[in-house]
Protein backbone atom coordinates (compact mmCIF):
# COMPACT_ATOMS: atom_id res chain seq x y z
CA MET A 1 -16.41 33.37 -20.97
CA ALA A 2 -15.41 30.17 -20.86
CA THR A 3 -18.75 27.65 -20.38
CA ARG A 4 -18.61 26.07 -16.98
CA ARG A 5 -18.34 22.82 -18.84
CA THR A 6 -14.61 23.93 -20.49
CA GLN A 7 -13.44 25.50 -16.56
CA LEU A 8 -13.93 22.56 -14.97
CA GLU A 9 -11.90 19.62 -17.50
CA ARG A 10 -9.51 22.68 -16.83
CA LEU A 11 -9.83 22.49 -13.08
CA ARG A 12 -9.68 18.40 -13.58
CA GLN A 13 -6.88 19.01 -15.64
CA GLN A 14 -5.17 20.79 -12.68
CA LEU A 15 -6.10 18.55 -10.61
CA LEU A 16 -3.84 15.76 -12.20
CA GLN A 17 -1.31 17.74 -13.22
CA ARG A 18 -0.99 18.34 -9.05
CA ARG A 19 -1.79 14.45 -8.20
CA ASP A 20 1.44 13.45 -10.43
CA ALA A 21 2.94 16.50 -9.17
CA LEU A 22 2.50 15.36 -4.90
CA ARG A 23 2.89 11.51 -5.91
CA LYS A 24 6.01 11.59 -7.13
CA ALA A 25 7.49 14.22 -4.76
CA LEU A 26 5.91 11.58 -1.90
CA GLY A 27 7.60 9.38 -3.20
CA GLU A 28 11.26 10.61 -3.22
CA ALA A 29 10.24 11.34 0.53
CA TRP A 30 9.95 8.10 1.02
CA ASP A 31 12.90 6.73 -0.49
CA LEU A 32 15.04 9.47 1.21
CA SER A 33 13.07 8.62 4.32
CA ASN A 34 13.98 4.85 4.33
CA LEU A 35 17.98 5.36 3.67
CA GLY A 36 18.31 5.95 7.26
CA HIS A 37 20.98 8.13 8.82
CA THR A 38 24.36 6.78 8.62
CA GLU A 39 26.84 8.88 10.89
CA VAL A 40 26.06 9.30 14.80
CA SER A 41 25.74 13.33 15.35
CA ARG A 42 28.80 14.44 17.61
CA ASP A 43 26.36 16.89 20.03
CA VAL A 44 23.85 17.23 21.46
CA ALA A 45 22.68 20.17 19.46
CA ASP A 46 23.15 18.38 16.46
CA ALA A 47 21.25 15.57 17.44
CA ALA A 48 18.41 18.52 18.34
CA LEU A 49 18.38 20.13 15.03
CA GLU A 50 18.88 16.76 12.71
CA THR A 51 15.64 16.21 15.34
CA GLY A 52 13.71 18.65 14.56
CA VAL A 53 14.40 19.04 10.71
CA GLN A 54 13.17 15.82 10.09
CA GLU A 55 10.00 16.29 12.03
CA MET A 56 8.95 19.04 9.74
CA ARG A 57 9.96 16.97 6.93
CA TYR A 58 7.33 14.66 8.26
CA GLN A 59 4.95 17.52 9.10
CA ALA A 60 5.21 19.14 5.76
CA LEU A 61 5.00 15.00 3.98
CA ASP A 62 1.61 14.97 6.62
CA THR A 63 -0.02 18.14 4.91
CA GLU A 64 1.20 16.95 0.83
CA THR A 65 -0.45 13.28 2.07
CA ARG A 66 -3.58 15.07 3.23
CA GLU A 67 -4.32 17.17 -0.32
CA LEU A 68 -3.56 14.22 -2.00
CA MET A 69 -6.08 11.99 -0.95
CA LEU A 70 -9.09 15.87 -1.09
CA ILE A 71 -7.65 15.30 -4.91
CA GLU A 72 -7.85 11.58 -5.75
CA TRP A 73 -11.59 12.51 -4.02
CA ALA A 74 -12.19 14.83 -6.41
CA LEU A 75 -11.41 13.75 -9.22
CA SER A 76 -13.55 9.99 -8.11
CA LYS A 77 -16.36 12.94 -7.80
CA PHE A 78 -15.31 13.19 -11.37
CA ARG A 79 -15.84 9.83 -12.44
CA ARG A 80 -19.48 9.66 -10.83
CA GLY A 81 -19.96 13.05 -12.67
CA VAL A 82 -20.63 14.76 -8.95
CA TYR A 83 -17.82 17.19 -9.55
CA GLY A 84 -18.85 20.31 -7.88
CA LEU A 85 -21.74 19.84 -6.11
CA CYS A 86 -21.82 20.81 -2.24
CA GLU A 87 -21.57 17.43 -0.38
CA ASN A 88 -23.16 18.67 2.35
CA CYS A 89 -26.51 21.02 0.25
CA GLY A 90 -26.04 19.26 -3.72
CA GLY A 91 -25.98 22.79 -4.89
CA LYS A 92 -23.64 24.45 -7.54
CA ILE A 93 -19.97 24.70 -5.48
CA ALA A 94 -19.12 28.42 -7.16
CA LEU A 95 -16.37 27.66 -10.07
CA ALA A 96 -14.87 30.96 -7.97
CA ARG A 97 -14.25 29.09 -4.86
CA LEU A 98 -13.22 25.90 -6.62
CA GLU A 99 -10.97 27.66 -8.78
CA ALA A 100 -9.09 28.83 -5.07
CA LEU A 101 -9.47 25.47 -3.92
CA PRO A 102 -10.17 22.97 -6.35
CA PHE A 103 -11.31 19.81 -4.25
CA ALA A 104 -13.99 21.79 -2.02
CA ARG A 105 -16.48 19.60 -0.62
CA TYR A 106 -18.84 22.33 -0.01
CA CYS A 107 -20.49 25.53 -1.21
CA ILE A 108 -19.33 28.50 0.45
CA GLY A 109 -22.99 28.97 2.30
CA CYS A 110 -22.45 25.58 4.27
CA GLN A 111 -19.07 25.70 4.30
CA ARG A 112 -19.59 28.80 6.59
CA GLU A 113 -22.48 27.31 8.66
CA PHE A 114 -20.19 24.03 9.86
CA GLU A 115 -17.73 26.99 11.07
CA GLN A 116 -20.11 28.48 12.53
CA ARG A 117 -21.21 25.46 14.42
CA GLY A 118 -17.39 24.55 15.08
CA GLU A 119 -17.99 21.39 12.77
CA ASP A 120 -14.51 20.14 11.46
CA THR A 121 -14.82 19.93 8.34
CA SER A 122 -11.23 18.20 6.92
CA TRP A 123 -10.35 14.68 6.60
CA ASP A 124 -8.80 11.91 8.48
CA PHE A 125 -9.13 8.69 6.97
CA ALA A 126 -8.47 5.82 8.46
CA ASP A 127 -7.48 3.94 5.19
CA TRP A 128 -4.70 6.10 4.02
CA GLU A 129 -3.27 3.22 1.85
CA ARG A 130 -5.73 4.21 -0.77
CA VAL A 131 -3.67 7.52 -1.28
CA TYR A 132 -0.87 5.11 -2.27
CA GLU A 133 -2.78 3.26 -5.12
CA MET A 134 -0.54 3.84 -8.83
CA GLU A 135 -2.63 2.92 -11.02
CA ARG A 136 -4.87 4.68 -11.08
CA SER A 137 -1.73 7.53 -12.56
CA LEU A 138 -1.37 5.05 -15.20
CA SER A 139 -5.45 5.09 -16.92
CA ASP A 140 -7.62 7.90 -15.80
CA PRO A 141 -10.89 7.35 -17.26
CA THR A 142 -11.80 9.62 -20.35
CA VAL A 143 -14.53 12.19 -18.31
CA ASN A 144 -17.77 12.85 -20.52
CA LEU A 145 -18.48 16.63 -19.62
CA ALA A 146 -21.46 17.28 -21.12
CA ASP A 147 -23.21 14.26 -18.32
CA LEU A 148 -21.73 16.22 -16.22
CA GLU A 149 -22.67 19.61 -17.39
CA GLY A 150 -25.73 17.97 -17.86
CA GLU A 151 -26.08 17.42 -13.76
CA LEU A 152 -25.74 20.36 -12.90
CA LYS A 153 -28.38 21.92 -14.46
C-alpha cells in the first residue's frame, strides 16, 4: 500500500495535468470566441439555435474556469504545505475524498455540516484574473512532501 505522501504526490501530478489541460482548452475557447460571426443568420430559428449553442458554450467555459480556480487553490495549498487539511477544522481530509475530488476544501464531516445548515461552500472569487496567470505553468516549485507529511501527523 502506498504511503499518504506518495498518494498526495500522485494527486498533485493529476492536478497539474488537469490544470494544464484546462488552461489549454480555455485559451483555445477564448481564441474561438473572439473570432466573432461573419455571416448573418438567415432566419429567426437559425439565430435562436446559434444563441442557444453559444450560451451552452459559455456555461461550459464558466464551469471549466471554476474548476481551474479550485485546482489553482489546491496547488497553492501544496506550496504552503497544507494540502489535504480541512479549511474548517484543520483535520485530515480522507484520501478517498481527495481522490474523488482532489480540490476538496473540507473534510466530509465539515462539508456535511455546511450542507445541513444550507451554507454555500462554493466559491465566487471577484479576482478572476488570477485564474489566467500563466507564469506558474512554466515552473511550479518543487514540493517537499516530507515536510507536508510532517504537518499532517
